[in-house]
Amino acid sequence: MVHDLSQDTTAVANGQKPRQAVAGLMPPQLAEAMIREVWPSVHGISAGIAGLSAMFMRSIFLAPLGWMLNGLLFARKLAPFLCQRYTLTNRRLMVRRGWKPVPVQEIPLADIDDVRLIADTYDPFYRSGDLQVLSGGKEVLKLAGVPEPESFRQAIINAVRAWGGPDKLKGPFIPASAPSSNSETVKPA
């Protein structure tokens, strides 16, 4: 008989992190598990410089200048004390910063009411946009420059429905790969 280490509660009692059979399927009562993490695109770092860089890269003669500008933005994106990432776990959504990331902003999944893609911030060149996390009718968190924002938005909504509490379980499961338009928003029933 095979022993399932993903549900081993003795590992948690000993201070060890239990293994997960599938990412994000660890019950929040047992341990916090990462579901998904994304790094903001260069468009999220500086939309103006990134837009100028994209314009240069569309031309023939100025493309090297555009690559250089993008390289500078990418270097800033990976700078040890400036790098930022958005982390979704089975307990919370966090904005983390630093080389060894520490949360600077977070919201528990139970507090999230809706996640919206701000349509006019979507950039087709970088395939990124801004997400707005709402709680109690107010914006509590803004995620700037999220790559493939609709997919990350669906992952947040599905995590809220799965782990956010009994009142958040309403509505159908929507896979992150489901086709949808940017103007469509799914609201909990």
N, C-alpha and C. Protein backbone atom coordinates (compact mmCIF):
# COMPACT_ATOMS: atom_id res chain seq x y z
N MET A 1 0.84 -1.17 0.00
CA MET A 1 0.00 0.00 0.00
C MET A 1 0.89 1.24 0.00
N VAL A 2 0.50 2.24 -0.77
CA VAL A 2 1.26 3.47 -0.90
C VAL A 2 0.75 4.48 0.11
N HIS A 3 1.67 5.13 0.81
CA HIS A 3 1.30 6.15 1.80
C HIS A 3 1.24 7.51 1.10
N ASP A 4 0.13 8.21 1.22
CA ASP A 4 -0.07 9.50 0.58
C ASP A 4 0.55 10.60 1.44
N LEU A 5 1.71 11.11 1.01
CA LEU A 5 2.41 12.14 1.77
C LEU A 5 1.74 13.50 1.68
N SER A 6 0.85 13.69 0.71
CA SER A 6 0.21 15.00 0.57
C SER A 6 -0.78 15.27 1.70
N GLN A 7 -1.23 14.26 2.39
CA GLN A 7 -2.18 14.45 3.49
C GLN A 7 -1.56 14.09 4.84
N ASP A 8 -0.25 14.05 4.90
CA ASP A 8 0.46 13.65 6.12
C ASP A 8 0.46 14.80 7.12
N THR A 9 -0.32 14.67 8.19
CA THR A 9 -0.40 15.73 9.20
C THR A 9 0.76 15.68 10.17
N THR A 10 1.50 14.57 10.25
CA THR A 10 2.64 14.51 11.15
C THR A 10 3.78 15.38 10.65
N ALA A 11 3.88 15.56 9.33
CA ALA A 11 4.92 16.43 8.77
C ALA A 11 4.68 17.87 9.20
N VAL A 12 3.43 18.30 9.23
CA VAL A 12 3.11 19.66 9.65
C VAL A 12 3.40 19.83 11.13
N ALA A 13 3.09 18.82 11.94
CA ALA A 13 3.35 18.90 13.37
C ALA A 13 4.83 18.98 13.68
N ASN A 14 5.66 18.39 12.82
CA ASN A 14 7.11 18.42 12.99
C ASN A 14 7.75 19.65 12.36
N GLY A 15 6.94 20.56 11.82
CA GLY A 15 7.48 21.78 11.23
C GLY A 15 7.90 21.63 9.78
N GLN A 16 7.64 20.49 9.16
CA GLN A 16 7.98 20.28 7.76
C GLN A 16 6.78 20.61 6.89
N LYS A 17 7.05 20.93 5.65
CA LYS A 17 5.98 21.23 4.71
C LYS A 17 5.60 19.93 4.00
N PRO A 18 4.33 19.53 4.05
CA PRO A 18 3.94 18.31 3.37
C PRO A 18 3.98 18.47 1.86
N ARG A 19 4.20 17.39 1.16
CA ARG A 19 4.22 17.43 -0.30
C ARG A 19 2.81 17.51 -0.84
N GLN A 20 2.67 18.14 -1.99
CA GLN A 20 1.37 18.25 -2.64
C GLN A 20 1.31 17.33 -3.84
N ALA A 21 0.21 16.62 -3.98
CA ALA A 21 0.04 15.78 -5.16
C ALA A 21 -0.19 16.64 -6.39
N VAL A 22 -1.01 17.68 -6.24
CA VAL A 22 -1.31 18.62 -7.30
C VAL A 22 -1.18 20.02 -6.71
N ALA A 23 -0.55 20.94 -7.44
CA ALA A 23 -0.31 22.29 -6.92
C ALA A 23 -1.61 22.97 -6.53
N GLY A 24 -1.64 23.52 -5.32
CA GLY A 24 -2.79 24.27 -4.85
C GLY A 24 -3.90 23.44 -4.24
N LEU A 25 -3.74 22.12 -4.17
CA LEU A 25 -4.80 21.29 -3.62
C LEU A 25 -4.58 20.94 -2.16
N MET A 26 -3.73 21.66 -1.52
CA MET A 26 -3.50 21.47 -0.08
C MET A 26 -4.61 22.22 0.66
N PRO A 27 -5.32 21.57 1.57
CA PRO A 27 -6.34 22.31 2.33
C PRO A 27 -5.69 23.42 3.15
N PRO A 28 -6.31 24.62 3.20
CA PRO A 28 -5.69 25.73 3.92
C PRO A 28 -5.55 25.46 5.42
N GLN A 29 -6.35 24.55 5.96
CA GLN A 29 -6.23 24.22 7.37
C GLN A 29 -4.95 23.44 7.65
N LEU A 30 -4.44 22.75 6.64
CA LEU A 30 -3.24 21.93 6.80
C LEU A 30 -1.97 22.75 6.60
N ALA A 31 -1.92 23.51 5.52
CA ALA A 31 -0.74 24.35 5.23
C ALA A 31 -1.09 25.31 4.11
N GLU A 32 -0.31 26.39 4.02
CA GLU A 32 -0.48 27.34 2.93
C GLU A 32 0.30 26.82 1.73
N ALA A 33 -0.36 26.77 0.58
CA ALA A 33 0.27 26.27 -0.63
C ALA A 33 0.09 27.27 -1.76
N MET A 34 1.14 27.46 -2.53
CA MET A 34 1.09 28.38 -3.65
C MET A 34 0.28 27.74 -4.79
N ILE A 35 -0.65 28.52 -5.31
CA ILE A 35 -1.43 28.07 -6.46
C ILE A 35 -0.79 28.62 -7.73
N ARG A 36 -0.47 29.91 -7.73
CA ARG A 36 0.11 30.53 -8.92
C ARG A 36 0.87 31.78 -8.52
N GLU A 37 1.93 32.06 -9.26
CA GLU A 37 2.72 33.27 -9.03
C GLU A 37 3.09 33.86 -10.38
N VAL A 38 2.92 35.18 -10.51
CA VAL A 38 3.30 35.87 -11.75
C VAL A 38 4.16 37.08 -11.40
N TRP A 39 5.05 37.41 -12.31
CA TRP A 39 5.88 38.61 -12.19
C TRP A 39 5.27 39.66 -13.12
N PRO A 40 5.17 40.90 -12.68
CA PRO A 40 4.63 41.93 -13.56
C PRO A 40 5.48 42.07 -14.82
N SER A 41 4.81 42.36 -15.93
CA SER A 41 5.55 42.57 -17.17
C SER A 41 6.26 43.92 -17.11
N VAL A 42 7.12 44.17 -18.09
CA VAL A 42 7.82 45.45 -18.12
C VAL A 42 6.83 46.60 -18.33
N HIS A 43 5.68 46.30 -18.90
CA HIS A 43 4.64 47.31 -19.08
C HIS A 43 4.11 47.77 -17.72
N GLY A 44 4.10 46.89 -16.73
CA GLY A 44 3.64 47.24 -15.40
C GLY A 44 4.65 48.07 -14.63
N ILE A 45 5.93 47.99 -15.01
CA ILE A 45 6.97 48.74 -14.32
C ILE A 45 6.91 50.21 -14.71
N SER A 46 6.86 50.46 -16.02
CA SER A 46 6.77 51.82 -16.51
C SER A 46 6.04 51.79 -17.84
N ALA A 47 4.75 52.10 -17.81
CA ALA A 47 3.93 52.01 -19.01
C ALA A 47 4.41 52.97 -20.11
N GLY A 48 4.87 54.15 -19.73
CA GLY A 48 5.31 55.13 -20.72
C GLY A 48 6.56 54.68 -21.47
N ILE A 49 7.57 54.24 -20.74
CA ILE A 49 8.81 53.78 -21.38
C ILE A 49 8.56 52.49 -22.16
N ALA A 50 7.72 51.60 -21.61
CA ALA A 50 7.41 50.35 -22.30
C ALA A 50 6.65 50.62 -23.60
N GLY A 51 5.74 51.59 -23.58
CA GLY A 51 5.02 51.96 -24.80
C GLY A 51 5.94 52.55 -25.86
N LEU A 52 6.88 53.39 -25.42
CA LEU A 52 7.87 53.96 -26.33
C LEU A 52 8.75 52.86 -26.91
N SER A 53 9.15 51.93 -26.07
CA SER A 53 9.97 50.80 -26.50
C SER A 53 9.22 49.95 -27.53
N ALA A 54 7.94 49.69 -27.30
CA ALA A 54 7.13 48.90 -28.24
C ALA A 54 7.02 49.62 -29.58
N MET A 55 6.86 50.95 -29.54
CA MET A 55 6.76 51.73 -30.77
C MET A 55 8.07 51.63 -31.56
N PHE A 56 9.22 51.72 -30.85
CA PHE A 56 10.52 51.61 -31.50
C PHE A 56 10.71 50.22 -32.10
N MET A 57 10.27 49.19 -31.39
CA MET A 57 10.47 47.82 -31.87
C MET A 57 9.62 47.50 -33.09
N ARG A 58 8.56 48.25 -33.33
CA ARG A 58 7.73 48.04 -34.51
C ARG A 58 8.38 48.64 -35.77
N SER A 59 9.35 49.51 -35.58
CA SER A 59 10.05 50.08 -36.73
C SER A 59 11.28 49.24 -37.05
N ILE A 60 11.87 49.50 -38.17
CA ILE A 60 13.06 48.73 -38.57
C ILE A 60 14.32 49.36 -37.99
N PHE A 61 14.46 50.65 -38.14
CA PHE A 61 15.71 51.30 -37.77
C PHE A 61 15.84 51.57 -36.27
N LEU A 62 14.73 51.79 -35.59
CA LEU A 62 14.79 52.10 -34.17
C LEU A 62 14.61 50.88 -33.26
N ALA A 63 14.46 49.69 -33.86
CA ALA A 63 14.25 48.47 -33.07
C ALA A 63 15.37 48.23 -32.05
N PRO A 64 16.64 48.41 -32.41
CA PRO A 64 17.69 48.20 -31.39
C PRO A 64 17.54 49.12 -30.19
N LEU A 65 17.11 50.36 -30.41
CA LEU A 65 16.88 51.28 -29.30
C LEU A 65 15.72 50.78 -28.43
N GLY A 66 14.69 50.24 -29.06
CA GLY A 66 13.57 49.66 -28.32
C GLY A 66 14.00 48.47 -27.50
N TRP A 67 14.86 47.61 -28.06
CA TRP A 67 15.36 46.45 -27.32
C TRP A 67 16.19 46.90 -26.11
N MET A 68 16.97 47.96 -26.32
CA MET A 68 17.79 48.47 -25.22
C MET A 68 16.90 49.01 -24.09
N LEU A 69 15.87 49.77 -24.45
CA LEU A 69 14.95 50.28 -23.44
C LEU A 69 14.26 49.13 -22.69
N ASN A 70 13.83 48.12 -23.45
CA ASN A 70 13.21 46.95 -22.82
C ASN A 70 14.20 46.22 -21.92
N GLY A 71 15.45 46.16 -22.34
CA GLY A 71 16.48 45.51 -21.52
C GLY A 71 16.67 46.23 -20.20
N LEU A 72 16.64 47.56 -20.23
CA LEU A 72 16.77 48.33 -18.99
C LEU A 72 15.57 48.08 -18.06
N LEU A 73 14.37 48.05 -18.65
CA LEU A 73 13.19 47.76 -17.84
C LEU A 73 13.24 46.34 -17.27
N PHE A 74 13.72 45.41 -18.08
CA PHE A 74 13.81 44.02 -17.61
C PHE A 74 14.85 43.90 -16.49
N ALA A 75 15.95 44.63 -16.60
CA ALA A 75 16.97 44.62 -15.54
C ALA A 75 16.39 45.19 -14.24
N ARG A 76 15.57 46.23 -14.36
CA ARG A 76 14.93 46.78 -13.17
C ARG A 76 13.94 45.79 -12.59
N LYS A 77 13.27 45.04 -13.45
CA LYS A 77 12.30 44.04 -13.01
C LYS A 77 12.97 42.97 -12.16
N LEU A 78 14.22 42.63 -12.46
CA LEU A 78 14.93 41.58 -11.74
C LEU A 78 15.90 42.10 -10.69
N ALA A 79 15.97 43.43 -10.52
CA ALA A 79 16.88 44.00 -9.52
C ALA A 79 16.55 43.42 -8.14
N PRO A 80 17.56 43.00 -7.40
CA PRO A 80 17.31 42.26 -6.15
C PRO A 80 16.36 42.90 -5.16
N PHE A 81 16.42 44.21 -4.97
CA PHE A 81 15.57 44.82 -3.95
C PHE A 81 14.30 45.42 -4.53
N LEU A 82 14.17 45.43 -5.86
CA LEU A 82 13.02 46.05 -6.49
C LEU A 82 12.05 45.04 -7.09
N CYS A 83 12.49 43.80 -7.29
CA CYS A 83 11.64 42.84 -8.00
C CYS A 83 10.35 42.59 -7.21
N GLN A 84 9.28 42.39 -7.95
CA GLN A 84 7.96 42.25 -7.36
C GLN A 84 7.27 41.07 -8.02
N ARG A 85 6.38 40.41 -7.29
CA ARG A 85 5.60 39.32 -7.85
C ARG A 85 4.25 39.25 -7.16
N TYR A 86 3.29 38.69 -7.87
CA TYR A 86 1.95 38.52 -7.34
C TYR A 86 1.75 37.03 -7.08
N THR A 87 1.44 36.69 -5.83
CA THR A 87 1.35 35.29 -5.43
C THR A 87 -0.06 34.98 -4.94
N LEU A 88 -0.63 33.92 -5.50
CA LEU A 88 -1.94 33.43 -5.10
C LEU A 88 -1.73 32.11 -4.37
N THR A 89 -2.20 32.02 -3.13
CA THR A 89 -2.11 30.79 -2.36
C THR A 89 -3.52 30.32 -2.02
N ASN A 90 -3.60 29.22 -1.32
CA ASN A 90 -4.91 28.72 -0.92
C ASN A 90 -5.50 29.49 0.27
N ARG A 91 -4.79 30.49 0.76
CA ARG A 91 -5.28 31.31 1.86
C ARG A 91 -5.42 32.79 1.51
N ARG A 92 -4.54 33.31 0.61
CA ARG A 92 -4.51 34.75 0.37
C ARG A 92 -3.91 35.09 -0.99
N LEU A 93 -4.09 36.35 -1.37
CA LEU A 93 -3.46 36.92 -2.56
C LEU A 93 -2.49 37.98 -2.05
N MET A 94 -1.23 37.90 -2.50
CA MET A 94 -0.19 38.78 -1.97
C MET A 94 0.56 39.50 -3.08
N VAL A 95 1.05 40.68 -2.74
CA VAL A 95 2.07 41.37 -3.53
C VAL A 95 3.34 41.21 -2.72
N ARG A 96 4.35 40.56 -3.30
CA ARG A 96 5.59 40.33 -2.57
C ARG A 96 6.73 41.05 -3.29
N ARG A 97 7.69 41.54 -2.50
CA ARG A 97 8.84 42.26 -3.05
C ARG A 97 10.12 41.73 -2.47
N GLY A 98 11.20 41.98 -3.21
CA GLY A 98 12.53 41.63 -2.75
C GLY A 98 13.05 40.34 -3.35
N TRP A 99 14.36 40.15 -3.20
CA TRP A 99 15.00 38.95 -3.72
C TRP A 99 14.49 37.72 -2.99
N LYS A 100 14.42 37.81 -1.68
CA LYS A 100 13.75 36.79 -0.88
C LYS A 100 12.39 37.38 -0.53
N PRO A 101 11.38 37.08 -1.33
CA PRO A 101 10.14 37.84 -1.29
C PRO A 101 9.42 37.82 0.05
N VAL A 102 9.03 39.01 0.48
CA VAL A 102 8.21 39.17 1.68
C VAL A 102 6.94 39.90 1.27
N PRO A 103 5.80 39.54 1.85
CA PRO A 103 4.54 40.21 1.49
C PRO A 103 4.54 41.67 1.92
N VAL A 104 4.18 42.56 1.01
CA VAL A 104 4.03 43.97 1.34
C VAL A 104 2.55 44.36 1.34
N GLN A 105 1.73 43.63 0.62
CA GLN A 105 0.29 43.80 0.63
C GLN A 105 -0.33 42.42 0.49
N GLU A 106 -1.44 42.21 1.16
CA GLU A 106 -2.13 40.93 1.05
C GLU A 106 -3.59 41.09 1.39
N ILE A 107 -4.38 40.14 0.90
CA ILE A 107 -5.80 40.09 1.21
C ILE A 107 -6.20 38.62 1.31
N PRO A 108 -6.89 38.24 2.38
CA PRO A 108 -7.36 36.86 2.49
C PRO A 108 -8.39 36.55 1.40
N LEU A 109 -8.43 35.31 0.95
CA LEU A 109 -9.38 34.93 -0.10
C LEU A 109 -10.82 35.15 0.34
N ALA A 110 -11.10 34.99 1.62
CA ALA A 110 -12.46 35.16 2.12
C ALA A 110 -12.95 36.61 1.99
N ASP A 111 -12.03 37.57 1.90
CA ASP A 111 -12.41 38.98 1.79
C ASP A 111 -12.59 39.45 0.36
N ILE A 112 -12.20 38.66 -0.62
CA ILE A 112 -12.29 39.06 -2.03
C ILE A 112 -13.71 38.86 -2.54
N ASP A 113 -14.31 39.93 -3.06
CA ASP A 113 -15.65 39.85 -3.62
C ASP A 113 -15.62 39.73 -5.14
N ASP A 114 -14.72 40.43 -5.79
CA ASP A 114 -14.65 40.41 -7.25
C ASP A 114 -13.26 40.81 -7.70
N VAL A 115 -12.90 40.37 -8.90
CA VAL A 115 -11.63 40.74 -9.53
C VAL A 115 -11.96 41.21 -10.93
N ARG A 116 -11.51 42.41 -11.28
CA ARG A 116 -11.83 42.98 -12.59
C ARG A 116 -10.56 43.33 -13.35
N LEU A 117 -10.64 43.13 -14.65
CA LEU A 117 -9.58 43.58 -15.55
C LEU A 117 -9.94 44.99 -15.98
N ILE A 118 -9.06 45.94 -15.75
CA ILE A 118 -9.29 47.32 -16.18
C ILE A 118 -9.00 47.35 -17.68
N ALA A 119 -10.07 47.45 -18.47
CA ALA A 119 -9.98 47.25 -19.92
C ALA A 119 -9.01 48.20 -20.62
N ASP A 120 -8.99 49.47 -20.24
CA ASP A 120 -8.14 50.42 -20.96
C ASP A 120 -6.66 50.30 -20.57
N THR A 121 -6.30 49.42 -19.64
CA THR A 121 -4.89 49.21 -19.29
C THR A 121 -4.30 48.01 -20.02
N TYR A 122 -5.11 47.27 -20.76
CA TYR A 122 -4.60 46.09 -21.46
C TYR A 122 -3.71 46.52 -22.62
N ASP A 123 -2.52 45.95 -22.71
CA ASP A 123 -1.58 46.25 -23.79
C ASP A 123 -1.37 44.98 -24.62
N PRO A 124 -1.83 44.98 -25.88
CA PRO A 124 -1.70 43.76 -26.69
C PRO A 124 -0.25 43.42 -27.05
N PHE A 125 0.65 44.40 -27.08
CA PHE A 125 2.04 44.12 -27.41
C PHE A 125 2.70 43.29 -26.32
N TYR A 126 2.49 43.66 -25.06
CA TYR A 126 3.08 42.94 -23.94
C TYR A 126 2.13 41.89 -23.37
N ARG A 127 0.89 41.85 -23.85
CA ARG A 127 -0.15 40.95 -23.35
C ARG A 127 -0.29 41.03 -21.84
N SER A 128 -0.43 42.25 -21.35
CA SER A 128 -0.55 42.47 -19.91
C SER A 128 -1.57 43.56 -19.65
N GLY A 129 -2.08 43.56 -18.43
CA GLY A 129 -3.05 44.56 -18.03
C GLY A 129 -3.12 44.63 -16.52
N ASP A 130 -3.91 45.56 -16.01
CA ASP A 130 -4.04 45.76 -14.57
C ASP A 130 -5.30 45.06 -14.06
N LEU A 131 -5.16 44.42 -12.90
CA LEU A 131 -6.30 43.79 -12.24
C LEU A 131 -6.66 44.59 -11.00
N GLN A 132 -7.94 44.69 -10.75
CA GLN A 132 -8.47 45.42 -9.60
C GLN A 132 -9.18 44.40 -8.71
N VAL A 133 -8.75 44.28 -7.46
CA VAL A 133 -9.35 43.35 -6.51
C VAL A 133 -10.28 44.16 -5.61
N LEU A 134 -11.55 43.72 -5.57
CA LEU A 134 -12.58 44.46 -4.83
C LEU A 134 -13.02 43.69 -3.60
N SER A 135 -13.26 44.43 -2.54
CA SER A 135 -13.80 43.88 -1.30
C SER A 135 -14.73 44.92 -0.69
N GLY A 136 -15.95 44.54 -0.44
CA GLY A 136 -16.90 45.48 0.14
C GLY A 136 -17.20 46.65 -0.78
N GLY A 137 -17.12 46.46 -2.09
CA GLY A 137 -17.40 47.51 -3.05
C GLY A 137 -16.25 48.49 -3.27
N LYS A 138 -15.10 48.28 -2.59
CA LYS A 138 -13.96 49.18 -2.75
C LYS A 138 -12.76 48.41 -3.29
N GLU A 139 -11.90 49.15 -4.00
CA GLU A 139 -10.65 48.55 -4.47
C GLU A 139 -9.69 48.42 -3.28
N VAL A 140 -9.27 47.19 -3.01
CA VAL A 140 -8.34 46.97 -1.90
C VAL A 140 -6.94 46.62 -2.39
N LEU A 141 -6.84 46.23 -3.65
CA LEU A 141 -5.54 45.83 -4.19
C LEU A 141 -5.56 46.04 -5.69
N LYS A 142 -4.48 46.62 -6.22
CA LYS A 142 -4.36 46.79 -7.67
C LYS A 142 -3.08 46.09 -8.10
N LEU A 143 -3.22 45.17 -9.04
CA LEU A 143 -2.09 44.43 -9.57
C LEU A 143 -1.77 44.99 -10.95
N ALA A 144 -0.67 45.71 -11.06
CA ALA A 144 -0.31 46.40 -12.30
C ALA A 144 0.54 45.52 -13.20
N GLY A 145 0.24 45.52 -14.49
CA GLY A 145 1.06 44.83 -15.48
C GLY A 145 1.06 43.32 -15.36
N VAL A 146 -0.08 42.72 -15.05
CA VAL A 146 -0.17 41.26 -14.91
C VAL A 146 -0.11 40.63 -16.30
N PRO A 147 0.86 39.73 -16.55
CA PRO A 147 0.89 39.05 -17.84
C PRO A 147 -0.30 38.10 -17.96
N GLU A 148 -0.94 38.10 -19.12
CA GLU A 148 -2.15 37.31 -19.38
C GLU A 148 -3.14 37.48 -18.22
N PRO A 149 -3.65 38.70 -18.06
CA PRO A 149 -4.44 39.03 -16.89
C PRO A 149 -5.75 38.26 -16.75
N GLU A 150 -6.38 37.91 -17.85
CA GLU A 150 -7.65 37.19 -17.76
C GLU A 150 -7.45 35.80 -17.15
N SER A 151 -6.35 35.16 -17.48
CA SER A 151 -6.05 33.85 -16.92
C SER A 151 -5.78 33.94 -15.42
N PHE A 152 -5.02 34.95 -14.99
CA PHE A 152 -4.74 35.11 -13.56
C PHE A 152 -6.01 35.51 -12.81
N ARG A 153 -6.85 36.30 -13.43
CA ARG A 153 -8.12 36.70 -12.83
C ARG A 153 -9.01 35.48 -12.57
N GLN A 154 -9.08 34.59 -13.56
CA GLN A 154 -9.88 33.38 -13.39
C GLN A 154 -9.29 32.48 -12.30
N ALA A 155 -7.97 32.43 -12.20
CA ALA A 155 -7.33 31.63 -11.15
C ALA A 155 -7.69 32.18 -9.77
N ILE A 156 -7.71 33.51 -9.63
CA ILE A 156 -8.09 34.12 -8.35
C ILE A 156 -9.55 33.81 -8.02
N ILE A 157 -10.43 33.97 -9.00
CA ILE A 157 -11.85 33.71 -8.78
C ILE A 157 -12.08 32.25 -8.40
N ASN A 158 -11.41 31.33 -9.09
CA ASN A 158 -11.56 29.92 -8.76
C ASN A 158 -11.02 29.59 -7.38
N ALA A 159 -9.92 30.23 -6.98
CA ALA A 159 -9.37 30.00 -5.64
C ALA A 159 -10.31 30.54 -4.57
N VAL A 160 -10.93 31.69 -4.83
CA VAL A 160 -11.88 32.26 -3.88
C VAL A 160 -13.07 31.32 -3.72
N ARG A 161 -13.56 30.79 -4.83
CA ARG A 161 -14.70 29.87 -4.76
C ARG A 161 -14.34 28.57 -4.06
N ALA A 162 -13.12 28.10 -4.26
CA ALA A 162 -12.71 26.83 -3.67
C ALA A 162 -12.33 26.97 -2.20
N TRP A 163 -11.58 28.01 -1.85
CA TRP A 163 -11.02 28.12 -0.50
C TRP A 163 -11.50 29.32 0.29
N GLY A 164 -12.33 30.17 -0.28
CA GLY A 164 -12.72 31.42 0.37
C GLY A 164 -13.77 31.31 1.45
N GLY A 165 -14.38 30.18 1.63
CA GLY A 165 -15.39 30.01 2.66
C GLY A 165 -16.69 29.52 2.07
N PRO A 166 -17.63 29.12 2.91
CA PRO A 166 -18.87 28.53 2.41
C PRO A 166 -19.74 29.48 1.59
N ASP A 167 -19.71 30.78 1.89
CA ASP A 167 -20.53 31.71 1.12
C ASP A 167 -19.91 32.07 -0.23
N LYS A 168 -18.67 31.68 -0.47
CA LYS A 168 -18.00 32.00 -1.72
C LYS A 168 -18.09 30.86 -2.74
N LEU A 169 -18.74 29.76 -2.39
CA LEU A 169 -18.76 28.58 -3.25
C LEU A 169 -19.85 28.62 -4.32
N LYS A 170 -20.58 29.70 -4.43
CA LYS A 170 -21.65 29.79 -5.41
C LYS A 170 -21.09 30.05 -6.80
N GLY A 171 -21.77 29.56 -7.80
CA GLY A 171 -21.37 29.80 -9.18
C GLY A 171 -20.58 28.65 -9.75
N PRO A 172 -20.50 28.56 -11.07
CA PRO A 172 -19.82 27.45 -11.72
C PRO A 172 -18.29 27.62 -11.66
N PHE A 173 -17.60 26.51 -11.74
CA PHE A 173 -16.14 26.52 -11.85
C PHE A 173 -15.79 26.95 -13.26
N ILE A 174 -14.91 27.91 -13.41
CA ILE A 174 -14.51 28.40 -14.72
C ILE A 174 -13.03 28.13 -14.89
N PRO A 175 -12.64 27.25 -15.82
CA PRO A 175 -11.22 26.98 -16.00
C PRO A 175 -10.50 28.22 -16.51
N ALA A 176 -9.23 28.37 -16.13
CA ALA A 176 -8.44 29.54 -16.53
C ALA A 176 -8.24 29.58 -18.03
N SER A 177 -8.33 28.43 -18.69
CA SER A 177 -8.13 28.40 -20.15
C SER A 177 -9.42 28.66 -20.91
N ALA A 178 -10.53 28.93 -20.21
CA ALA A 178 -11.81 29.17 -20.88
C ALA A 178 -11.74 30.45 -21.71
N PRO A 179 -12.24 30.40 -22.94
CA PRO A 179 -12.22 31.61 -23.77
C PRO A 179 -13.23 32.62 -23.23
N SER A 180 -12.82 33.86 -23.21
CA SER A 180 -13.72 34.94 -22.80
C SER A 180 -13.20 36.24 -23.37
N SER A 181 -14.09 37.23 -23.43
CA SER A 181 -13.66 38.54 -23.90
C SER A 181 -13.19 39.37 -22.72
N ASN A 182 -12.41 40.40 -22.98
CA ASN A 182 -11.88 41.25 -21.90
C ASN A 182 -12.97 42.05 -21.22
N SER A 183 -14.10 42.30 -21.90
CA SER A 183 -15.15 43.10 -21.30
C SER A 183 -16.07 42.28 -20.42
N GLU A 184 -16.00 40.95 -20.53
CA GLU A 184 -16.88 40.10 -19.75
C GLU A 184 -16.33 39.92 -18.34
N THR A 185 -17.17 40.07 -17.35
CA THR A 185 -16.75 39.83 -15.98
C THR A 185 -17.68 38.79 -15.38
N VAL A 186 -17.12 37.89 -14.62
CA VAL A 186 -17.89 36.85 -13.95
C VAL A 186 -18.08 37.28 -12.51
N LYS A 187 -19.31 37.39 -12.09
CA LYS A 187 -19.60 37.82 -10.72
C LYS A 187 -20.15 36.65 -9.95
N PRO A 188 -19.73 36.51 -8.68
CA PRO A 188 -20.29 35.42 -7.87
C PRO A 188 -21.79 35.57 -7.74
N ALA A 189 -22.49 34.45 -7.84
CA ALA A 189 -23.95 34.46 -7.76
C ALA A 189 -24.43 34.64 -6.34
